[in-house]
PDB file of all heavy atoms in Angstrom:
ATOM      1  N   TYR A   1      28.403 -33.613 -57.524  1.00  0.00           N
ATOM      2  CA  TYR A   1      27.245 -33.198 -56.736  1.00  0.00           C
ATOM      3  C   TYR A   1      27.719 -32.527 -55.439  1.00  0.00           C
ATOM      4  O   TYR A   1      28.790 -32.810 -54.913  1.00  0.00           O
ATOM      5  CB  TYR A   1      26.305 -34.356 -56.423  1.00  0.00           C
ATOM      6  CG  TYR A   1      26.897 -35.507 -55.785  1.00  0.00           C
ATOM      7  CD1 TYR A   1      27.052 -35.621 -54.400  1.00  0.00           C
ATOM      8  CD2 TYR A   1      27.434 -36.564 -56.522  1.00  0.00           C
ATOM      9  CE1 TYR A   1      27.639 -36.680 -53.758  1.00  0.00           C
ATOM     10  CE2 TYR A   1      28.003 -37.680 -55.935  1.00  0.00           C
ATOM     11  CZ  TYR A   1      28.069 -37.685 -54.559  1.00  0.00           C
ATOM     12  OH  TYR A   1      28.619 -38.802 -53.950  1.00  0.00           O
ATOM     13  N   PRO A   2      26.843 -31.619 -54.855  1.00  0.00           N
ATOM     14  CA  PRO A   2      27.208 -30.962 -53.664  1.00  0.00           C
ATOM     15  C   PRO A   2      27.078 -31.862 -52.489  1.00  0.00           C
ATOM     16  O   PRO A   2      26.493 -32.893 -52.551  1.00  0.00           O
ATOM     17  CB  PRO A   2      26.188 -29.793 -53.615  1.00  0.00           C
ATOM     18  CG  PRO A   2      24.984 -30.379 -54.286  1.00  0.00           C
ATOM     19  CD  PRO A   2      25.542 -31.215 -55.452  1.00  0.00           C
ATOM     20  N   SER A   3      27.693 -31.402 -51.355  1.00  0.00           N
ATOM     21  CA  SER A   3      27.644 -32.273 -50.169  1.00  0.00           C
ATOM     22  C   SER A   3      26.220 -32.305 -49.640  1.00  0.00           C
ATOM     23  O   SER A   3      25.862 -33.261 -48.928  1.00  0.00           O
ATOM     24  CB  SER A   3      28.583 -31.692 -49.099  1.00  0.00           C
ATOM     25  OG  SER A   3      28.149 -30.365 -48.801  1.00  0.00           O
ATOM     26  N   ASN A   4      25.399 -31.331 -49.967  1.00  0.00           N
ATOM     27  CA  ASN A   4      24.054 -31.290 -49.448  1.00  0.00           C
ATOM     28  C   ASN A   4      23.047 -31.871 -50.490  1.00  0.00           C
ATOM     29  O   ASN A   4      22.040 -31.295 -50.730  1.00  0.00           O
ATOM     30  CB  ASN A   4      23.616 -29.887 -49.050  1.00  0.00           C
ATOM     31  CG  ASN A   4      23.689 -28.912 -50.214  1.00  0.00           C
ATOM     32  OD1 ASN A   4      24.498 -29.053 -51.090  1.00  0.00           O
ATOM     33  ND2 ASN A   4      22.791 -27.935 -50.214  1.00  0.00           N
ATOM     34  N   ILE A   5      23.412 -32.969 -51.155  1.00  0.00           N
ATOM     35  CA  ILE A   5      22.455 -33.604 -52.053  1.00  0.00           C
ATOM     36  C   ILE A   5      21.451 -34.387 -51.187  1.00  0.00           C
ATOM     37  O   ILE A   5      21.824 -35.159 -50.349  1.00  0.00           O
ATOM     38  CB  ILE A   5      23.183 -34.518 -53.072  1.00  0.00           C
ATOM     39  CG1 ILE A   5      22.179 -35.275 -53.935  1.00  0.00           C
ATOM     40  CG2 ILE A   5      24.099 -35.531 -52.373  1.00  0.00           C
ATOM     41  CD1 ILE A   5      22.784 -36.086 -55.025  1.00  0.00           C
ATOM     42  N   TYR A   6      20.189 -34.139 -51.446  1.00  0.00           N
ATOM     43  CA  TYR A   6      19.182 -34.774 -50.583  1.00  0.00           C
ATOM     44  C   TYR A   6      18.334 -35.813 -51.341  1.00  0.00           C
ATOM     45  O   TYR A   6      17.847 -36.777 -50.812  1.00  0.00           O
ATOM     46  CB  TYR A   6      18.264 -33.717 -49.944  1.00  0.00           C
ATOM     47  CG  TYR A   6      18.889 -33.065 -48.777  1.00  0.00           C
ATOM     48  CD1 TYR A   6      19.543 -31.898 -48.890  1.00  0.00           C
ATOM     49  CD2 TYR A   6      18.819 -33.667 -47.564  1.00  0.00           C
ATOM     50  CE1 TYR A   6      20.141 -31.277 -47.786  1.00  0.00           C
ATOM     51  CE2 TYR A   6      19.428 -33.137 -46.410  1.00  0.00           C
ATOM     52  CZ  TYR A   6      20.079 -31.904 -46.504  1.00  0.00           C
ATOM     53  OH  TYR A   6      20.632 -31.342 -45.449  1.00  0.00           O
ATOM     54  N   ALA A   7      18.104 -35.523 -52.649  1.00  0.00           N
ATOM     55  CA  ALA A   7      17.217 -36.470 -53.408  1.00  0.00           C
ATOM     56  C   ALA A   7      17.495 -36.321 -54.877  1.00  0.00           C
ATOM     57  O   ALA A   7      17.964 -35.298 -55.427  1.00  0.00           O
ATOM     58  CB  ALA A   7      15.768 -36.133 -53.080  1.00  0.00           C
ATOM     59  N   VAL A   8      17.168 -37.356 -55.612  1.00  0.00           N
ATOM     60  CA  VAL A   8      17.196 -37.404 -57.027  1.00  0.00           C
ATOM     61  C   VAL A   8      15.843 -37.895 -57.548  1.00  0.00           C
ATOM     62  O   VAL A   8      15.332 -38.905 -57.073  1.00  0.00           O
ATOM     63  CB  VAL A   8      18.279 -38.248 -57.629  1.00  0.00           C
ATOM     64  CG1 VAL A   8      18.155 -38.390 -59.132  1.00  0.00           C
ATOM     65  CG2 VAL A   8      19.684 -37.698 -57.268  1.00  0.00           C
ATOM     66  N   GLY A   9      15.252 -37.100 -58.459  1.00  0.00           N
ATOM     67  CA  GLY A   9      13.948 -37.466 -58.952  1.00  0.00           C
ATOM     68  C   GLY A   9      13.953 -37.671 -60.436  1.00  0.00           C
ATOM     69  O   GLY A   9      14.834 -37.254 -61.144  1.00  0.00           O
ATOM     70  N   TRP A  10      12.900 -38.358 -60.895  1.00  0.00           N
ATOM     71  CA  TRP A  10      12.652 -38.519 -62.277  1.00  0.00           C
ATOM     72  C   TRP A  10      11.310 -37.832 -62.699  1.00  0.00           C
ATOM     73  O   TRP A  10      10.339 -37.976 -61.992  1.00  0.00           O
ATOM     74  CB  TRP A  10      12.507 -40.017 -62.648  1.00  0.00           C
ATOM     75  CG  TRP A  10      13.782 -40.758 -62.740  1.00  0.00           C
ATOM     76  CD1 TRP A  10      14.367 -41.507 -61.813  1.00  0.00           C
ATOM     77  CD2 TRP A  10      14.665 -40.786 -63.899  1.00  0.00           C
ATOM     78  NE1 TRP A  10      15.588 -42.011 -62.278  1.00  0.00           N
ATOM     79  CE2 TRP A  10      15.775 -41.609 -63.552  1.00  0.00           C
ATOM     80  CE3 TRP A  10      14.643 -40.207 -65.163  1.00  0.00           C
ATOM     81  CZ2 TRP A  10      16.833 -41.864 -64.434  1.00  0.00           C
ATOM     82  CZ3 TRP A  10      15.652 -40.471 -66.059  1.00  0.00           C
ATOM     83  CH2 TRP A  10      16.737 -41.292 -65.690  1.00  0.00           C
ATOM     84  N   PHE A  11      11.360 -37.138 -63.831  1.00  0.00           N
ATOM     85  CA  PHE A  11      10.215 -36.501 -64.392  1.00  0.00           C
ATOM     86  C   PHE A  11      10.109 -36.853 -65.840  1.00  0.00           C
ATOM     87  O   PHE A  11      11.082 -37.355 -66.440  1.00  0.00           O
ATOM     88  CB  PHE A  11      10.362 -34.964 -64.239  1.00  0.00           C
ATOM     89  CG  PHE A  11      10.190 -34.463 -62.847  1.00  0.00           C
ATOM     90  CD1 PHE A  11      11.221 -34.567 -61.956  1.00  0.00           C
ATOM     91  CD2 PHE A  11       9.077 -33.775 -62.439  1.00  0.00           C
ATOM     92  CE1 PHE A  11      11.123 -34.116 -60.657  1.00  0.00           C
ATOM     93  CE2 PHE A  11       8.944 -33.277 -61.168  1.00  0.00           C
ATOM     94  CZ  PHE A  11       9.988 -33.459 -60.230  1.00  0.00           C
ATOM     95  N   ARG A  12       9.017 -36.627 -66.415  1.00  0.00           N
ATOM     96  CA  ARG A  12       8.879 -36.758 -67.888  1.00  0.00           C
ATOM     97  C   ARG A  12       7.994 -35.654 -68.416  1.00  0.00           C
ATOM     98  O   ARG A  12       7.125 -35.118 -67.737  1.00  0.00           O
ATOM     99  CB  ARG A  12       8.254 -38.103 -68.253  1.00  0.00           C
ATOM    100  CG  ARG A  12       6.813 -38.326 -67.895  1.00  0.00           C
ATOM    101  CD  ARG A  12       6.368 -39.722 -68.207  1.00  0.00           C
ATOM    102  NE  ARG A  12       4.972 -39.929 -67.826  1.00  0.00           N
ATOM    103  CZ  ARG A  12       4.382 -41.166 -67.891  1.00  0.00           C
ATOM    104  NH1 ARG A  12       5.067 -42.226 -68.292  1.00  0.00           N
ATOM    105  NH2 ARG A  12       3.140 -41.275 -67.486  1.00  0.00           N
ATOM    106  N   GLN A  13       8.173 -35.356 -69.701  1.00  0.00           N
ATOM    107  CA  GLN A  13       7.327 -34.374 -70.344  1.00  0.00           C
ATOM    108  C   GLN A  13       7.057 -34.861 -71.719  1.00  0.00           C
ATOM    109  O   GLN A  13       7.949 -35.043 -72.618  1.00  0.00           O
ATOM    110  CB  GLN A  13       8.050 -33.055 -70.419  1.00  0.00           C
ATOM    111  CG  GLN A  13       7.129 -31.918 -70.908  1.00  0.00           C
ATOM    112  CD  GLN A  13       7.723 -30.557 -70.649  1.00  0.00           C
ATOM    113  OE1 GLN A  13       8.919 -30.378 -70.464  1.00  0.00           O
ATOM    114  NE2 GLN A  13       6.887 -29.554 -70.635  1.00  0.00           N
ATOM    115  N   ALA A  14       5.768 -35.086 -72.023  1.00  0.00           N
ATOM    116  CA  ALA A  14       5.335 -35.408 -73.354  1.00  0.00           C
ATOM    117  C   ALA A  14       5.080 -34.154 -74.159  1.00  0.00           C
ATOM    118  O   ALA A  14       4.794 -33.116 -73.593  1.00  0.00           O
ATOM    119  CB  ALA A  14       3.995 -36.269 -73.254  1.00  0.00           C
ATOM    120  N   PRO A  15       5.104 -34.240 -75.464  1.00  0.00           N
ATOM    121  CA  PRO A  15       4.821 -33.048 -76.300  1.00  0.00           C
ATOM    122  C   PRO A  15       3.450 -32.451 -75.967  1.00  0.00           C
ATOM    123  O   PRO A  15       2.441 -33.134 -75.927  1.00  0.00           O
ATOM    124  CB  PRO A  15       4.866 -33.623 -77.669  1.00  0.00           C
ATOM    125  CG  PRO A  15       5.733 -34.820 -77.627  1.00  0.00           C
ATOM    126  CD  PRO A  15       5.474 -35.404 -76.264  1.00  0.00           C
ATOM    127  N   GLY A  16       3.482 -31.082 -75.698  1.00  0.00           N
ATOM    128  CA  GLY A  16       2.240 -30.426 -75.470  1.00  0.00           C
ATOM    129  C   GLY A  16       1.703 -30.598 -74.061  1.00  0.00           C
ATOM    130  O   GLY A  16       0.592 -30.087 -73.783  1.00  0.00           O
ATOM    131  N   LYS A  17       2.443 -31.270 -73.221  1.00  0.00           N
ATOM    132  CA  LYS A  17       1.941 -31.485 -71.855  1.00  0.00           C
ATOM    133  C   LYS A  17       2.954 -30.925 -70.812  1.00  0.00           C
ATOM    134  O   LYS A  17       4.079 -30.657 -71.155  1.00  0.00           O
ATOM    135  CB  LYS A  17       1.769 -32.978 -71.547  1.00  0.00           C
ATOM    136  CG  LYS A  17       0.656 -33.621 -72.429  1.00  0.00           C
ATOM    137  CD  LYS A  17       0.418 -35.046 -72.011  1.00  0.00           C
ATOM    138  CE  LYS A  17      -0.749 -35.637 -72.802  1.00  0.00           C
ATOM    139  NZ  LYS A  17      -1.021 -37.041 -72.392  1.00  0.00           N
ATOM    140  N   GLU A  18       2.473 -30.790 -69.597  1.00  0.00           N
ATOM    141  CA  GLU A  18       3.356 -30.274 -68.534  1.00  0.00           C
ATOM    142  C   GLU A  18       4.248 -31.423 -68.055  1.00  0.00           C
ATOM    143  O   GLU A  18       4.017 -32.587 -68.217  1.00  0.00           O
ATOM    144  CB  GLU A  18       2.477 -29.730 -67.381  1.00  0.00           C
ATOM    145  CG  GLU A  18       1.664 -28.565 -67.726  1.00  0.00           C
ATOM    146  CD  GLU A  18       0.889 -27.950 -66.521  1.00  0.00           C
ATOM    147  OE1 GLU A  18       0.930 -28.645 -65.450  1.00  0.00           O
ATOM    148  OE2 GLU A  18       0.335 -26.925 -66.624  1.00  0.00           O
ATOM    149  N   ARG A  19       5.351 -30.945 -67.444  1.00  0.00           N
ATOM    150  CA  ARG A  19       6.290 -31.913 -66.831  1.00  0.00           C
ATOM    151  C   ARG A  19       5.577 -32.639 -65.695  1.00  0.00           C
ATOM    152  O   ARG A  19       4.898 -32.030 -64.894  1.00  0.00           O
ATOM    153  CB  ARG A  19       7.528 -31.235 -66.390  1.00  0.00           C
ATOM    154  CG  ARG A  19       8.631 -32.154 -65.925  1.00  0.00           C
ATOM    155  CD  ARG A  19       9.889 -31.353 -65.584  1.00  0.00           C
ATOM    156  NE  ARG A  19      10.613 -31.008 -66.813  1.00  0.00           N
ATOM    157  CZ  ARG A  19      11.652 -30.164 -66.854  1.00  0.00           C
ATOM    158  NH1 ARG A  19      12.030 -29.553 -65.775  1.00  0.00           N
ATOM    159  NH2 ARG A  19      12.202 -29.917 -68.010  1.00  0.00           N
ATOM    160  N   GLU A  20       5.820 -33.904 -65.636  1.00  0.00           N
ATOM    161  CA  GLU A  20       5.102 -34.795 -64.719  1.00  0.00           C
ATOM    162  C   GLU A  20       6.094 -35.467 -63.771  1.00  0.00           C
ATOM    163  O   GLU A  20       7.074 -36.113 -64.209  1.00  0.00           O
ATOM    164  CB  GLU A  20       4.313 -35.835 -65.460  1.00  0.00           C
ATOM    165  CG  GLU A  20       3.625 -36.890 -64.607  1.00  0.00           C
ATOM    166  CD  GLU A  20       3.004 -38.007 -65.440  1.00  0.00           C
ATOM    167  OE1 GLU A  20       3.278 -38.075 -66.649  1.00  0.00           O
ATOM    168  OE2 GLU A  20       2.248 -38.825 -64.879  1.00  0.00           O
ATOM    169  N   PHE A  21       5.862 -35.452 -62.497  1.00  0.00           N
ATOM    170  CA  PHE A  21       6.651 -36.126 -61.516  1.00  0.00           C
ATOM    171  C   PHE A  21       6.397 -37.642 -61.607  1.00  0.00           C
ATOM    172  O   PHE A  21       5.262 -38.070 -61.671  1.00  0.00           O
ATOM    173  CB  PHE A  21       6.368 -35.691 -60.098  1.00  0.00           C
ATOM    174  CG  PHE A  21       6.897 -36.534 -59.003  1.00  0.00           C
ATOM    175  CD1 PHE A  21       8.235 -36.511 -58.691  1.00  0.00           C
ATOM    176  CD2 PHE A  21       6.048 -37.419 -58.309  1.00  0.00           C
ATOM    177  CE1 PHE A  21       8.717 -37.317 -57.682  1.00  0.00           C
ATOM    178  CE2 PHE A  21       6.529 -38.271 -57.315  1.00  0.00           C
ATOM    179  CZ  PHE A  21       7.883 -38.221 -57.015  1.00  0.00           C
ATOM    180  N   LEU A  22       7.473 -38.403 -61.559  1.00  0.00           N
ATOM    181  CA  LEU A  22       7.390 -39.859 -61.623  1.00  0.00           C
ATOM    182  C   LEU A  22       7.828 -40.507 -60.314  1.00  0.00           C
ATOM    183  O   LEU A  22       7.168 -41.362 -59.785  1.00  0.00           O
ATOM    184  CB  LEU A  22       8.255 -40.425 -62.775  1.00  0.00           C
ATOM    185  CG  LEU A  22       7.915 -39.906 -64.149  1.00  0.00           C
ATOM    186  CD1 LEU A  22       8.849 -40.415 -65.188  1.00  0.00           C
ATOM    187  CD2 LEU A  22       6.455 -40.285 -64.551  1.00  0.00           C
ATOM    188  N   ALA A  23       9.049 -40.192 -59.865  1.00  0.00           N
ATOM    189  CA  ALA A  23       9.574 -40.942 -58.702  1.00  0.00           C
ATOM    190  C   ALA A  23      10.722 -40.110 -58.145  1.00  0.00           C
ATOM    191  O   ALA A  23      11.326 -39.307 -58.790  1.00  0.00           O
ATOM    192  CB  ALA A  23      10.078 -42.309 -59.181  1.00  0.00           C
ATOM    193  N   VAL A  24      11.010 -40.439 -56.869  1.00  0.00           N
ATOM    194  CA  VAL A  24      12.142 -39.788 -56.167  1.00  0.00           C
ATOM    195  C   VAL A  24      12.739 -40.780 -55.240  1.00  0.00           C
ATOM    196  O   VAL A  24      12.055 -41.626 -54.671  1.00  0.00           O
ATOM    197  CB  VAL A  24      11.695 -38.471 -55.467  1.00  0.00           C
ATOM    198  CG1 VAL A  24      10.671 -38.779 -54.379  1.00  0.00           C
ATOM    199  CG2 VAL A  24      12.911 -37.725 -54.922  1.00  0.00           C
ATOM    200  N   ILE A  25      14.023 -40.579 -55.037  1.00  0.00           N
ATOM    201  CA  ILE A  25      14.792 -41.405 -54.065  1.00  0.00           C
ATOM    202  C   ILE A  25      15.655 -40.514 -53.257  1.00  0.00           C
ATOM    203  O   ILE A  25      16.310 -39.627 -53.773  1.00  0.00           O
ATOM    204  CB  ILE A  25      15.614 -42.550 -54.782  1.00  0.00           C
ATOM    205  CG1 ILE A  25      16.223 -43.468 -53.687  1.00  0.00           C
ATOM    206  CG2 ILE A  25      16.692 -41.970 -55.678  1.00  0.00           C
ATOM    207  CD1 ILE A  25      16.716 -44.780 -54.328  1.00  0.00           C
ATOM    208  N   ARG A  26      15.615 -40.687 -51.994  1.00  0.00           N
ATOM    209  CA  ARG A  26      16.458 -39.875 -51.093  1.00  0.00           C
ATOM    210  C   ARG A  26      17.882 -40.400 -51.185  1.00  0.00           C
ATOM    211  O   ARG A  26      18.103 -41.614 -51.146  1.00  0.00           O
ATOM    212  CB  ARG A  26      15.954 -39.969 -49.650  1.00  0.00           C
ATOM    213  CG  ARG A  26      14.576 -39.286 -49.462  1.00  0.00           C
ATOM    214  CD  ARG A  26      14.144 -39.300 -48.031  1.00  0.00           C
ATOM    215  NE  ARG A  26      12.823 -38.689 -47.862  1.00  0.00           N
ATOM    216  CZ  ARG A  26      12.686 -37.364 -47.601  1.00  0.00           C
ATOM    217  NH1 ARG A  26      13.775 -36.592 -47.425  1.00  0.00           N
ATOM    218  NH2 ARG A  26      11.493 -36.874 -47.423  1.00  0.00           N
ATOM    219  N   TRP A  27      18.849 -39.454 -51.277  1.00  0.00           N
ATOM    220  CA  TRP A  27      20.245 -39.834 -51.487  1.00  0.00           C
ATOM    221  C   TRP A  27      20.750 -40.593 -50.273  1.00  0.00           C
ATOM    222  O   TRP A  27      21.494 -41.578 -50.442  1.00  0.00           O
ATOM    223  CB  TRP A  27      21.061 -38.585 -51.770  1.00  0.00           C
ATOM    224  CG  TRP A  27      22.405 -38.859 -52.344  1.00  0.00           C
ATOM    225  CD1 TRP A  27      23.604 -38.793 -51.758  1.00  0.00           C
ATOM    226  CD2 TRP A  27      22.630 -39.294 -53.703  1.00  0.00           C
ATOM    227  NE1 TRP A  27      24.590 -39.106 -52.662  1.00  0.00           N
ATOM    228  CE2 TRP A  27      24.070 -39.435 -53.847  1.00  0.00           C
ATOM    229  CE3 TRP A  27      21.794 -39.541 -54.825  1.00  0.00           C
ATOM    230  CZ2 TRP A  27      24.612 -39.825 -55.025  1.00  0.00           C
ATOM    231  CZ3 TRP A  27      22.384 -39.893 -55.976  1.00  0.00           C
ATOM    232  CH2 TRP A  27      23.782 -40.070 -56.070  1.00  0.00           C
ATOM    233  N   SER A  28      20.457 -40.128 -49.093  1.00  0.00           N
ATOM    234  CA  SER A  28      20.832 -40.836 -47.872  1.00  0.00           C
ATOM    235  C   SER A  28      19.651 -41.581 -47.349  1.00  0.00           C
ATOM    236  O   SER A  28      18.638 -41.031 -47.101  1.00  0.00           O
ATOM    237  CB  SER A  28      21.347 -39.794 -46.834  1.00  0.00           C
ATOM    238  OG  SER A  28      21.640 -40.372 -45.648  1.00  0.00           O
ATOM    239  N   GLY A  29      19.817 -42.853 -47.167  1.00  0.00           N
ATOM    240  CA  GLY A  29      18.722 -43.676 -46.671  1.00  0.00           C
ATOM    241  C   GLY A  29      17.977 -44.407 -47.716  1.00  0.00           C
ATOM    242  O   GLY A  29      17.450 -45.529 -47.469  1.00  0.00           O
ATOM    243  N   GLY A  30      17.857 -43.816 -48.935  1.00  0.00           N
ATOM    244  CA  GLY A  30      17.262 -44.555 -50.036  1.00  0.00           C
ATOM    245  C   GLY A  30      15.764 -44.620 -50.003  1.00  0.00           C
ATOM    246  O   GLY A  30      15.123 -45.442 -50.734  1.00  0.00           O
ATOM    247  N   GLY A  31      15.118 -43.835 -49.152  1.00  0.00           N
ATOM    248  CA  GLY A  31      13.637 -43.854 -49.157  1.00  0.00           C
ATOM    249  C   GLY A  31      13.079 -43.399 -50.537  1.00  0.00           C
ATOM    250  O   GLY A  31      13.657 -42.534 -51.193  1.00  0.00           O
ATOM    251  N   THR A  32      12.004 -44.040 -51.005  1.00  0.00           N
ATOM    252  CA  THR A  32      11.497 -43.717 -52.306  1.00  0.00           C
ATOM    253  C   THR A  32      10.017 -43.324 -52.280  1.00  0.00           C
ATOM    254  O   THR A  32       9.279 -43.668 -51.340  1.00  0.00           O
ATOM    255  CB  THR A  32      11.635 -44.955 -53.245  1.00  0.00           C
ATOM    256  OG1 THR A  32      10.833 -46.104 -52.736  1.00  0.00           O
ATOM    257  CG2 THR A  32      13.093 -45.390 -53.363  1.00  0.00           C
ATOM    258  N   ARG A  33       9.598 -42.665 -53.375  1.00  0.00           N
ATOM    259  CA  ARG A  33       8.168 -42.396 -53.546  1.00  0.00           C
ATOM    260  C   ARG A  33       7.952 -42.408 -55.026  1.00  0.00           C
ATOM    261  O   ARG A  33       8.694 -41.927 -55.803  1.00  0.00           O
ATOM    262  CB  ARG A  33       7.807 -41.037 -52.993  1.00  0.00           C
ATOM    263  CG  ARG A  33       6.317 -40.660 -53.129  1.00  0.00           C
ATOM    264  CD  ARG A  33       5.921 -39.550 -52.259  1.00  0.00           C
ATOM    265  NE  ARG A  33       6.406 -38.268 -52.591  1.00  0.00           N
ATOM    266  CZ  ARG A  33       5.778 -37.425 -53.386  1.00  0.00           C
ATOM    267  NH1 ARG A  33       4.600 -37.806 -53.881  1.00  0.00           N
ATOM    268  NH2 ARG A  33       6.301 -36.261 -53.701  1.00  0.00           N
TER     269      ARG A  33
END
């Protein structure tokens, strides 16, 4: 990963549906949503 990694997120996509945001965590500090 690059030095400027800021966050990693999870998404999902069901058949026939749009990709959906699930969760994210900040790489530094660990804040989540």
